[in-house]
N, C-alpha and C. Protein backbone atom coordinates (compact mmCIF):
# COMPACT_ATOMS: atom_id res chain seq x y z
N GLN A 1 16.22 -18.20 9.09
CA GLN A 1 16.86 -17.16 8.38
C GLN A 1 17.94 -16.97 7.17
N VAL A 2 16.80 -15.36 6.42
CA VAL A 2 17.31 -15.64 4.93
C VAL A 2 18.02 -14.41 4.70
N GLN A 3 18.69 -14.52 4.12
CA GLN A 3 19.71 -13.29 3.96
C GLN A 3 19.48 -12.21 1.99
N LEU A 4 18.92 -11.33 2.33
CA LEU A 4 19.14 -11.20 0.42
C LEU A 4 20.10 -9.75 0.51
N VAL A 5 20.89 -9.95 -0.54
CA VAL A 5 21.78 -8.73 -1.15
C VAL A 5 21.11 -8.55 -3.09
N GLU A 6 21.06 -7.68 -2.78
CA GLU A 6 20.55 -6.94 -3.93
C GLU A 6 21.64 -6.08 -4.88
N SER A 7 21.13 -6.20 -5.95
CA SER A 7 22.64 -5.89 -6.62
C SER A 7 22.05 -5.39 -8.09
N GLY A 8 22.72 -4.43 -9.19
CA GLY A 8 22.26 -4.14 -9.90
C GLY A 8 21.95 -2.54 -10.83
N GLY A 9 21.42 -2.01 -9.55
CA GLY A 9 20.75 -0.81 -9.43
C GLY A 9 22.05 0.39 -9.83
N ARG A 10 21.87 0.97 -10.73
CA ARG A 10 22.41 2.03 -11.56
C ARG A 10 21.89 3.71 -11.95
N LEU A 11 22.17 4.37 -12.64
CA LEU A 11 21.89 5.34 -12.97
C LEU A 11 21.27 5.19 -14.89
N VAL A 12 20.06 5.35 -14.99
CA VAL A 12 19.72 4.98 -16.14
C VAL A 12 18.22 6.05 -16.66
N GLN A 13 18.73 6.37 -18.16
CA GLN A 13 18.13 7.27 -18.74
C GLN A 13 16.43 6.93 -18.91
N ALA A 14 15.83 8.03 -18.66
CA ALA A 14 14.00 7.53 -19.00
C ALA A 14 13.89 6.92 -20.34
N GLY A 15 13.11 5.82 -20.23
CA GLY A 15 12.92 5.34 -21.43
C GLY A 15 13.68 4.03 -21.51
N GLY A 16 14.81 4.07 -20.99
CA GLY A 16 15.43 2.66 -20.74
C GLY A 16 15.13 1.20 -20.23
N SER A 17 15.78 0.07 -19.84
CA SER A 17 15.91 -0.90 -19.31
C SER A 17 16.68 -1.09 -18.38
N LEU A 18 16.50 -1.77 -17.27
CA LEU A 18 17.04 -2.24 -16.19
C LEU A 18 17.09 -3.32 -16.05
N ARG A 19 17.55 -4.39 -15.34
CA ARG A 19 17.42 -5.38 -14.44
C ARG A 19 18.29 -5.24 -13.55
N ILE A 20 17.79 -5.68 -12.40
CA ILE A 20 18.29 -5.93 -11.20
C ILE A 20 17.38 -7.05 -10.44
N SER A 21 19.09 -7.47 -9.65
CA SER A 21 18.65 -9.46 -8.79
C SER A 21 18.73 -9.10 -7.70
N CYS A 22 17.92 -10.48 -6.77
CA CYS A 22 18.21 -10.63 -5.63
C CYS A 22 18.80 -12.22 -5.31
N ALA A 23 19.70 -12.18 -4.36
CA ALA A 23 20.17 -13.10 -4.39
C ALA A 23 19.72 -13.75 -2.58
N ALA A 24 19.43 -15.14 -2.54
CA ALA A 24 18.44 -15.54 -1.53
C ALA A 24 19.88 -16.55 -0.92
N SER A 25 19.87 -16.28 0.45
CA SER A 25 20.47 -17.60 1.30
C SER A 25 20.21 -17.75 2.61
N GLY A 26 20.07 -19.00 2.96
CA GLY A 26 19.71 -19.66 4.15
C GLY A 26 18.94 -20.84 4.11
N ARG A 27 17.36 -20.95 4.05
CA ARG A 27 16.60 -21.38 4.80
C ARG A 27 16.35 -21.82 2.95
N THR A 28 15.78 -23.34 2.79
CA THR A 28 15.00 -23.36 1.29
C THR A 28 14.56 -21.91 1.00
N VAL A 29 14.80 -21.61 0.18
CA VAL A 29 14.11 -20.25 -0.31
C VAL A 29 12.80 -20.22 -1.38
N SER A 30 12.56 -21.27 -1.96
CA SER A 30 11.52 -21.93 -2.58
C SER A 30 10.01 -21.76 -1.35
N ILE A 31 10.67 -21.87 -0.68
CA ILE A 31 9.29 -21.61 0.32
C ILE A 31 8.36 -20.53 0.86
N TYR A 32 9.57 -19.52 0.02
CA TYR A 32 9.25 -17.99 1.17
C TYR A 32 8.41 -17.47 -0.39
N ALA A 33 7.40 -16.85 -0.15
CA ALA A 33 6.68 -15.76 -1.08
C ALA A 33 8.04 -14.56 -1.59
N MET A 34 8.67 -14.01 -2.70
CA MET A 34 9.07 -13.15 -2.65
C MET A 34 9.11 -11.92 -3.92
N GLY A 35 8.68 -10.25 -3.22
CA GLY A 35 8.84 -9.49 -3.60
C GLY A 35 9.81 -8.05 -4.31
N TRP A 36 9.46 -7.03 -4.72
CA TRP A 36 10.53 -5.95 -4.68
C TRP A 36 9.10 -4.81 -4.29
N PHE A 37 9.92 -3.97 -3.47
CA PHE A 37 9.31 -2.72 -2.45
C PHE A 37 10.26 -1.67 -3.03
N ARG A 38 9.72 0.00 -3.25
CA ARG A 38 11.28 0.98 -3.42
C ARG A 38 10.43 1.93 -2.60
N GLN A 39 11.37 2.55 -2.19
CA GLN A 39 11.34 3.84 -1.11
C GLN A 39 12.08 5.34 -2.32
N ALA A 40 11.30 6.20 -2.67
CA ALA A 40 11.74 7.51 -2.87
C ALA A 40 11.60 8.13 -1.65
N PRO A 41 12.98 9.25 -2.27
CA PRO A 41 13.70 10.13 -1.23
C PRO A 41 11.76 10.78 -0.56
N GLY A 42 12.35 11.04 0.68
CA GLY A 42 10.82 11.52 1.00
C GLY A 42 10.07 10.91 1.16
N LYS A 43 9.51 9.76 0.86
CA LYS A 43 8.24 9.04 0.54
C LYS A 43 8.73 8.15 1.71
N ASP A 44 7.23 7.44 1.62
CA ASP A 44 7.30 5.96 1.97
C ASP A 44 7.59 4.81 1.30
N ARG A 45 7.86 3.46 1.81
CA ARG A 45 8.71 2.58 0.90
C ARG A 45 6.77 1.83 0.69
N GLU A 46 7.20 1.15 -0.72
CA GLU A 46 5.82 1.09 -1.21
C GLU A 46 6.37 -0.15 -1.93
N PHE A 47 4.79 -0.52 -2.45
CA PHE A 47 5.39 -2.04 -2.68
C PHE A 47 5.57 -1.98 -4.22
N VAL A 48 5.97 -2.59 -4.94
CA VAL A 48 6.42 -2.96 -6.59
C VAL A 48 5.43 -3.67 -7.07
N ALA A 49 6.36 -5.30 -6.67
CA ALA A 49 6.13 -6.53 -7.50
C ALA A 49 6.23 -7.65 -6.90
N SER A 50 5.31 -8.72 -6.68
CA SER A 50 5.59 -10.61 -5.92
C SER A 50 5.30 -11.17 -6.60
N ILE A 51 5.52 -12.33 -6.06
CA ILE A 51 5.78 -13.54 -6.71
C ILE A 51 5.53 -14.73 -5.91
N SER A 52 4.66 -15.45 -5.92
CA SER A 52 4.71 -16.40 -5.43
C SER A 52 5.49 -16.89 -4.77
N TRP A 53 5.21 -18.48 -4.14
CA TRP A 53 6.19 -19.39 -3.36
C TRP A 53 6.48 -20.10 -4.67
N LEU A 54 7.25 -21.69 -4.38
CA LEU A 54 7.62 -22.36 -5.21
C LEU A 54 7.72 -22.47 -6.71
N SER A 55 6.53 -22.61 -7.30
CA SER A 55 7.13 -22.50 -8.88
C SER A 55 7.03 -21.07 -9.55
N GLY A 56 6.46 -20.30 -8.53
CA GLY A 56 6.59 -18.52 -8.58
C GLY A 56 4.49 -18.41 -9.94
N SER A 57 4.05 -19.11 -9.89
CA SER A 57 3.06 -19.23 -10.67
C SER A 57 2.02 -17.84 -10.83
N THR A 58 2.04 -17.17 -9.58
CA THR A 58 1.57 -16.23 -9.72
C THR A 58 2.10 -15.05 -8.82
N THR A 59 1.68 -13.84 -9.94
CA THR A 59 2.59 -12.34 -9.62
C THR A 59 1.48 -10.86 -9.57
N ASN A 60 1.82 -10.04 -8.82
CA ASN A 60 0.93 -9.26 -8.41
C ASN A 60 2.13 -7.84 -8.62
N TYR A 61 1.80 -7.13 -9.20
CA TYR A 61 2.29 -5.68 -9.37
C TYR A 61 1.57 -4.26 -9.34
N SER A 62 2.14 -3.26 -8.78
CA SER A 62 1.57 -1.91 -8.79
C SER A 62 1.04 -1.68 -9.61
N ASP A 63 0.22 -0.61 -9.60
CA ASP A 63 -0.80 -0.05 -10.72
C ASP A 63 0.39 0.37 -11.93
N SER A 64 0.91 1.34 -11.13
CA SER A 64 2.16 2.16 -11.82
C SER A 64 2.90 1.55 -12.43
N VAL A 65 3.50 -0.28 -12.63
CA VAL A 65 4.16 -0.56 -13.05
C VAL A 65 3.92 -1.63 -14.22
N LYS A 66 2.62 -1.80 -13.82
CA LYS A 66 2.00 -3.18 -14.45
C LYS A 66 2.27 -2.58 -15.89
N GLY A 67 2.64 -3.65 -16.51
CA GLY A 67 2.87 -3.31 -18.55
C GLY A 67 4.04 -3.40 -18.24
N ARG A 68 5.36 -2.63 -17.67
CA ARG A 68 6.46 -2.19 -17.93
C ARG A 68 7.13 -2.95 -16.60
N PHE A 69 7.01 -3.99 -15.93
CA PHE A 69 7.94 -3.94 -15.02
C PHE A 69 7.35 -5.91 -14.89
N THR A 70 8.44 -6.48 -14.80
CA THR A 70 8.44 -7.91 -14.93
C THR A 70 9.17 -9.05 -13.61
N ILE A 71 8.40 -9.52 -12.68
CA ILE A 71 9.20 -10.71 -12.08
C ILE A 71 9.13 -12.02 -12.02
N SER A 72 10.67 -12.33 -11.97
CA SER A 72 10.80 -13.75 -11.68
C SER A 72 11.26 -14.09 -11.02
N ARG A 73 11.68 -15.59 -10.73
CA ARG A 73 12.47 -16.44 -10.00
C ARG A 73 13.65 -17.37 -10.20
N ASP A 74 14.25 -17.59 -9.71
CA ASP A 74 14.85 -18.85 -10.30
C ASP A 74 15.38 -19.88 -9.04
N ASN A 75 14.32 -20.65 -8.56
CA ASN A 75 14.65 -21.47 -7.57
C ASN A 75 16.00 -21.96 -7.10
N ALA A 76 17.15 -22.41 -8.17
CA ALA A 76 17.77 -23.74 -8.45
C ALA A 76 18.84 -22.31 -8.60
N LEU A 77 18.14 -21.37 -8.51
CA LEU A 77 19.84 -20.57 -8.03
C LEU A 77 19.81 -19.45 -6.98
N ASN A 78 18.39 -19.20 -6.51
CA ASN A 78 17.82 -18.79 -4.91
C ASN A 78 18.37 -17.25 -5.31
N THR A 79 17.72 -16.69 -6.92
CA THR A 79 17.48 -15.52 -6.65
C THR A 79 16.04 -14.88 -7.64
N VAL A 80 15.92 -13.73 -7.16
CA VAL A 80 14.52 -12.70 -7.60
C VAL A 80 15.20 -11.66 -8.71
N SER A 81 14.46 -12.19 -9.79
CA SER A 81 14.49 -10.76 -10.12
C SER A 81 13.65 -8.72 -11.10
N LEU A 82 14.01 -8.68 -10.94
CA LEU A 82 13.15 -7.66 -11.52
C LEU A 82 13.18 -6.49 -12.82
N GLN A 83 12.31 -6.76 -14.11
CA GLN A 83 12.72 -6.72 -15.31
C GLN A 83 12.23 -5.18 -15.26
N MET A 84 13.50 -4.09 -15.71
CA MET A 84 12.38 -2.85 -15.59
C MET A 84 12.38 -1.94 -17.43
N ASN A 85 11.35 -1.78 -17.78
CA ASN A 85 11.41 -1.17 -19.32
C ASN A 85 10.50 0.23 -19.34
N SER A 86 11.05 0.64 -20.07
CA SER A 86 10.31 2.05 -20.25
C SER A 86 10.49 2.62 -18.80
N LEU A 87 11.65 2.73 -18.48
CA LEU A 87 11.45 3.72 -16.80
C LEU A 87 11.07 4.77 -17.20
N LYS A 88 10.58 5.17 -16.26
CA LYS A 88 10.13 6.71 -15.73
C LYS A 88 11.21 7.54 -15.00
N PRO A 89 11.18 8.19 -14.60
CA PRO A 89 11.72 9.06 -13.31
C PRO A 89 11.36 8.86 -12.32
N GLU A 90 9.72 9.29 -12.36
CA GLU A 90 8.86 8.73 -11.31
C GLU A 90 9.68 7.18 -10.34
N ASP A 91 10.11 6.44 -11.51
CA ASP A 91 10.52 4.73 -10.63
C ASP A 91 11.86 5.40 -9.88
N THR A 92 12.39 6.52 -9.84
CA THR A 92 13.48 6.72 -8.65
C THR A 92 13.10 6.39 -7.30
N GLY A 93 14.51 5.28 -6.99
CA GLY A 93 14.22 5.22 -5.61
C GLY A 93 15.05 4.25 -5.19
N VAL A 94 14.96 3.63 -4.47
CA VAL A 94 16.05 2.77 -3.43
C VAL A 94 14.67 1.16 -3.80
N TYR A 95 15.55 0.43 -4.16
CA TYR A 95 14.50 -1.30 -4.49
C TYR A 95 15.22 -1.92 -3.63
N TYR A 96 13.80 -2.66 -2.66
CA TYR A 96 14.48 -3.62 -1.61
C TYR A 96 13.86 -4.78 -2.19
N CYS A 97 14.74 -5.85 -1.81
CA CYS A 97 13.95 -7.49 -2.29
C CYS A 97 13.17 -7.55 -0.85
N ALA A 98 12.29 -8.62 -0.76
CA ALA A 98 11.31 -8.65 0.89
C ALA A 98 11.18 -10.51 0.37
N ALA A 99 11.24 -11.22 1.33
CA ALA A 99 10.90 -12.53 1.57
C ALA A 99 9.33 -12.81 2.78
N LYS A 100 9.27 -13.64 2.60
CA LYS A 100 8.23 -13.52 3.25
C LYS A 100 7.51 -15.14 2.98
N ARG A 101 7.47 -15.77 4.68
CA ARG A 101 7.13 -17.36 4.41
C ARG A 101 5.59 -17.39 3.73
N GLY A 102 5.36 -18.54 2.88
CA GLY A 102 4.08 -18.65 2.86
C GLY A 102 3.91 -18.45 1.24
N ALA A 103 2.44 -18.17 0.55
CA ALA A 103 1.93 -18.19 -0.77
C ALA A 103 2.88 -17.00 -1.51
N LEU A 104 2.55 -15.69 -0.84
CA LEU A 104 2.26 -14.54 -1.76
C LEU A 104 2.51 -13.35 -0.58
N ILE A 105 3.03 -12.41 -1.08
CA ILE A 105 3.46 -11.21 -0.62
C ILE A 105 2.06 -10.00 -1.29
N VAL A 106 0.84 -9.84 -0.71
CA VAL A 106 -0.38 -9.31 -1.01
C VAL A 106 0.17 -7.73 -1.15
N PRO A 107 -0.08 -6.83 -1.94
CA PRO A 107 0.29 -5.84 -2.50
C PRO A 107 -0.23 -4.90 -1.40
N ASP A 108 -1.84 -4.96 -0.90
CA ASP A 108 -2.17 -4.00 -0.60
C ASP A 108 -1.77 -4.44 1.10
N ALA A 109 -1.69 -4.84 1.44
CA ALA A 109 -1.14 -5.41 2.83
C ALA A 109 0.16 -4.62 3.73
N GLY A 110 0.89 -4.03 2.64
CA GLY A 110 1.89 -2.94 2.75
C GLY A 110 3.33 -3.42 3.34
N THR A 111 3.90 -3.46 3.58
CA THR A 111 5.34 -4.05 4.80
C THR A 111 5.31 -4.82 5.35
N GLY A 112 4.40 -4.50 6.41
CA GLY A 112 4.17 -5.30 7.39
C GLY A 112 4.28 -6.93 7.24
N PRO A 113 3.64 -7.60 6.40
CA PRO A 113 3.49 -8.78 6.47
C PRO A 113 5.40 -9.66 6.31
N VAL A 114 6.17 -8.44 5.69
CA VAL A 114 7.47 -8.79 4.78
C VAL A 114 8.28 -9.03 6.57
N GLU A 115 9.11 -10.81 6.33
CA GLU A 115 9.78 -11.21 7.47
C GLU A 115 11.09 -10.37 7.08
N TYR A 116 12.02 -10.41 5.90
CA TYR A 116 13.16 -10.18 5.80
C TYR A 116 13.14 -9.46 4.53
N TRP A 117 14.69 -8.45 4.42
CA TRP A 117 14.52 -7.13 4.08
C TRP A 117 16.04 -7.51 3.42
N GLY A 118 16.45 -6.88 2.30
CA GLY A 118 17.79 -6.76 1.72
C GLY A 118 17.98 -4.92 2.67
N LYS A 119 19.28 -4.97 1.62
CA LYS A 119 19.53 -3.15 2.10
C LYS A 119 19.30 -2.64 1.36
N GLY A 120 18.84 -3.03 -0.30
CA GLY A 120 18.42 -2.12 -1.07
C GLY A 120 19.51 -2.23 -2.50
N THR A 121 19.14 -1.67 -3.30
CA THR A 121 19.87 -1.17 -4.44
C THR A 121 19.70 0.13 -4.90
N PRO A 122 19.99 0.99 -5.43
CA PRO A 122 19.47 2.53 -5.90
C PRO A 122 19.59 2.28 -7.38
N VAL A 123 18.12 3.18 -7.87
CA VAL A 123 17.66 3.07 -9.37
C VAL A 123 17.87 4.62 -9.38
N THR A 124 18.64 5.20 -10.25
CA THR A 124 17.47 6.78 -10.48
C THR A 124 17.65 6.79 -12.11
N VAL A 125 16.77 7.50 -12.40
CA VAL A 125 15.96 7.38 -13.85
C VAL A 125 15.85 8.90 -14.01
N PHE A 126 16.48 9.31 -15.28
CA PHE A 126 16.72 10.87 -15.50
C PHE A 126 16.20 11.06 -16.74
N SER A 127 15.58 12.57 -17.10
CA SER A 127 14.71 12.51 -18.24
C SER A 127 15.84 13.79 -18.54
């Protein structure tokens, strides 16, 4: 069992930056692939970024955030972070931390393979 708690979401102006974090507890977190999804009002939850298990040597991003967002993990602290730069109003949504046993959360696989979810942290980008 893994528990995930997100933090850091807030109101931010377009063009600004924000860093959100996920604190993981429970089993050895390093053996889990981690990721971030988001859900805008009235829309489905969508993949944002993922980082592979262990050293986190592989990362994936959705096309909409590639080049602006960076995912990272610190296994010693059991945390996963998402640095978001050049934010746009369309980045608005609730951001959810996700975990899955194994190497990687595959971007095209959707939410199905995810085993654990946090409760989310809201991010609102205003212009």
